[in-house]
Amino acid sequence: MTEEIQESLNDQIGKNLIFTDLEALQQQSIENFPKIAEIKIEKDYPDKLIINFKEFESAANIINVTNNINKSYIINEIGFVIRED
């Protein structure tokens, strides 16, 4: 997940931190990654963004057997499928 978030913020590379809208970046990250419960992005002058985030906890493993096909789903605490096998 860390690498995915970093990649999504690659467009910030080379931009001036003074003009970086942290609230917009945080909102964008929450919208793009429904697994994220909380995220905080901070400026570390002169040239870094510090990203701290917390994912929703896994809450259930659902196994669906239909016509001899087994599907397994890991569900997080808000009902989002975080892994499918």
C-alpha atoms as a PDB file:
ATOM      1  CA  MET A   1       0.000   0.000   0.000  1.00  0.00           C
ATOM      2  CA  THR A   2       2.850   2.399   0.811  1.00  0.00           C
ATOM      3  CA  GLU A   3       4.301   2.122  -2.692  1.00  0.00           C
ATOM      4  CA  GLU A   4       0.866   2.645  -4.273  1.00  0.00           C
ATOM      5  CA  ILE A   5       0.329   5.847  -2.304  1.00  0.00           C
ATOM      6  CA  GLN A   6       3.813   7.105  -3.178  1.00  0.00           C
ATOM      7  CA  GLU A   7       3.196   6.403  -6.872  1.00  0.00           C
ATOM      8  CA  SER A   8      -0.113   8.276  -6.762  1.00  0.00           C
ATOM      9  CA  LEU A   9       1.740  11.344  -5.453  1.00  0.00           C
ATOM     10  CA  ASN A  10       4.527  11.220  -8.058  1.00  0.00           C
ATOM     11  CA  ASP A  11       3.027  14.255  -9.789  1.00  0.00           C
ATOM     12  CA  GLN A  12       4.194  16.298  -6.787  1.00  0.00           C
ATOM     13  CA  ILE A  13       7.866  15.616  -7.582  1.00  0.00           C
ATOM     14  CA  GLY A  14       9.611  18.833  -8.518  1.00  0.00           C
ATOM     15  CA  LYS A  15       6.776  21.075  -7.342  1.00  0.00           C
ATOM     16  CA  ASN A  16       7.249  23.822  -4.792  1.00  0.00           C
ATOM     17  CA  LEU A  17       6.102  22.656  -1.335  1.00  0.00           C
ATOM     18  CA  ILE A  18       4.885  26.130  -0.444  1.00  0.00           C
ATOM     19  CA  PHE A  19       2.073  25.806  -2.989  1.00  0.00           C
ATOM     20  CA  THR A  20       1.220  22.171  -2.192  1.00  0.00           C
ATOM     21  CA  ASP A  21      -2.355  21.764  -0.938  1.00  0.00           C
ATOM     22  CA  LEU A  22      -2.056  19.060   1.724  1.00  0.00           C
ATOM     23  CA  GLU A  23      -5.804  18.809   2.336  1.00  0.00           C
ATOM     24  CA  ALA A  24      -6.423  18.172  -1.364  1.00  0.00           C
ATOM     25  CA  LEU A  25      -3.699  15.492  -1.443  1.00  0.00           C
ATOM     26  CA  GLN A  26      -5.155  13.794   1.631  1.00  0.00           C
ATOM     27  CA  GLN A  27      -8.667  13.838   0.159  1.00  0.00           C
ATOM     28  CA  GLN A  28      -7.383  12.518  -3.176  1.00  0.00           C
ATOM     29  CA  SER A  29      -5.609   9.667  -1.383  1.00  0.00           C
ATOM     30  CA  ILE A  30      -8.722   8.703   0.593  1.00  0.00           C
ATOM     31  CA  GLU A  31     -10.816   8.720  -2.595  1.00  0.00           C
ATOM     32  CA  ASN A  32      -8.263   6.666  -4.551  1.00  0.00           C
ATOM     33  CA  PHE A  33      -7.570   4.154  -1.781  1.00  0.00           C
ATOM     34  CA  PRO A  34     -10.736   3.039   0.031  1.00  0.00           C
ATOM     35  CA  LYS A  35      -8.578   0.819   2.280  1.00  0.00           C
ATOM     36  CA  ILE A  36      -7.256   3.933   4.039  1.00  0.00           C
ATOM     37  CA  ALA A  37      -8.996   4.865   7.287  1.00  0.00           C
ATOM     38  CA  GLU A  38      -6.819   7.898   8.039  1.00  0.00           C
ATOM     39  CA  ILE A  39      -4.028   9.729   6.270  1.00  0.00           C
ATOM     40  CA  LYS A  40      -1.873  12.667   7.262  1.00  0.00           C
ATOM     41  CA  ILE A  41       0.512  14.331   4.844  1.00  0.00           C
ATOM     42  CA  GLU A  42       2.990  16.879   6.179  1.00  0.00           C
ATOM     43  CA  LYS A  43       5.575  19.122   4.581  1.00  0.00           C
ATOM     44  CA  ASP A  44       9.202  18.538   5.562  1.00  0.00           C
ATOM     45  CA  TYR A  45      11.080  21.496   4.115  1.00  0.00           C
ATOM     46  CA  PRO A  46      12.869  21.943   1.877  1.00  0.00           C
ATOM     47  CA  ASP A  47      11.876  19.051  -0.350  1.00  0.00           C
ATOM     48  CA  LYS A  48       9.881  16.222   1.287  1.00  0.00           C
ATOM     49  CA  LEU A  49       6.356  15.119   2.038  1.00  0.00           C
ATOM     50  CA  ILE A  50       5.866  12.901   5.083  1.00  0.00           C
ATOM     51  CA  ILE A  51       2.958  10.479   4.674  1.00  0.00           C
ATOM     52  CA  ASN A  52       1.414   8.594   7.591  1.00  0.00           C
ATOM     53  CA  PHE A  53      -1.671   6.462   7.114  1.00  0.00           C
ATOM     54  CA  LYS A  54      -3.764   3.802   8.790  1.00  0.00           C
ATOM     55  CA  GLU A  55      -5.681   1.112   6.953  1.00  0.00           C
ATOM     56  CA  PHE A  56      -9.043  -0.251   8.039  1.00  0.00           C
ATOM     57  CA  GLU A  57      -8.693  -3.532   9.945  1.00  0.00           C
ATOM     58  CA  SER A  58      -9.660  -6.850   8.344  1.00  0.00           C
ATOM     59  CA  ALA A  59     -12.952  -7.973   9.832  1.00  0.00           C
ATOM     60  CA  ALA A  60     -14.144 -11.112   8.043  1.00  0.00           C
ATOM     61  CA  ASN A  61     -13.179 -13.907   5.699  1.00  0.00           C
ATOM     62  CA  ILE A  62     -16.160 -14.872   3.543  1.00  0.00           C
ATOM     63  CA  ILE A  63     -16.049 -18.097   1.540  1.00  0.00           C
ATOM     64  CA  ASN A  64     -18.589 -18.544  -1.240  1.00  0.00           C
ATOM     65  CA  VAL A  65     -19.001 -22.005  -2.774  1.00  0.00           C
ATOM     66  CA  THR A  66     -21.094 -22.084  -5.957  1.00  0.00           C
ATOM     67  CA  ASN A  67     -21.097 -24.844  -8.581  1.00  0.00           C
ATOM     68  CA  ASN A  68     -17.827 -26.273  -7.223  1.00  0.00           C
ATOM     69  CA  ILE A  69     -16.164 -22.841  -7.445  1.00  0.00           C
ATOM     70  CA  ASN A  70     -14.682 -21.571  -4.204  1.00  0.00           C
ATOM     71  CA  LYS A  71     -14.228 -17.830  -3.806  1.00  0.00           C
ATOM     72  CA  SER A  72     -12.737 -16.269  -0.703  1.00  0.00           C
ATOM     73  CA  TYR A  73     -13.102 -12.607   0.228  1.00  0.00           C
ATOM     74  CA  ILE A  74     -11.351 -10.671   2.991  1.00  0.00           C
ATOM     75  CA  ILE A  75     -13.609  -7.836   4.152  1.00  0.00           C
ATOM     76  CA  ASN A  76     -12.458  -4.825   6.162  1.00  0.00           C
ATOM     77  CA  GLU A  77     -14.323  -3.233   9.060  1.00  0.00           C
ATOM     78  CA  ILE A  78     -16.449  -1.025   6.788  1.00  0.00           C
ATOM     79  CA  GLY A  79     -17.398  -3.839   4.391  1.00  0.00           C
ATOM     80  CA  PHE A  80     -14.912  -3.161   1.586  1.00  0.00           C
ATOM     81  CA  VAL A  81     -13.382  -6.224  -0.111  1.00  0.00           C
ATOM     82  CA  ILE A  82      -9.644  -5.863   0.386  1.00  0.00           C
ATOM     83  CA  ARG A  83      -8.613  -9.210  -1.116  1.00  0.00           C
ATOM     84  CA  GLU A  84     -10.252 -11.772  -3.338  1.00  0.00           C
ATOM     85  CA  ASP A  85      -8.909 -15.273  -4.005  1.00  0.00           C
END
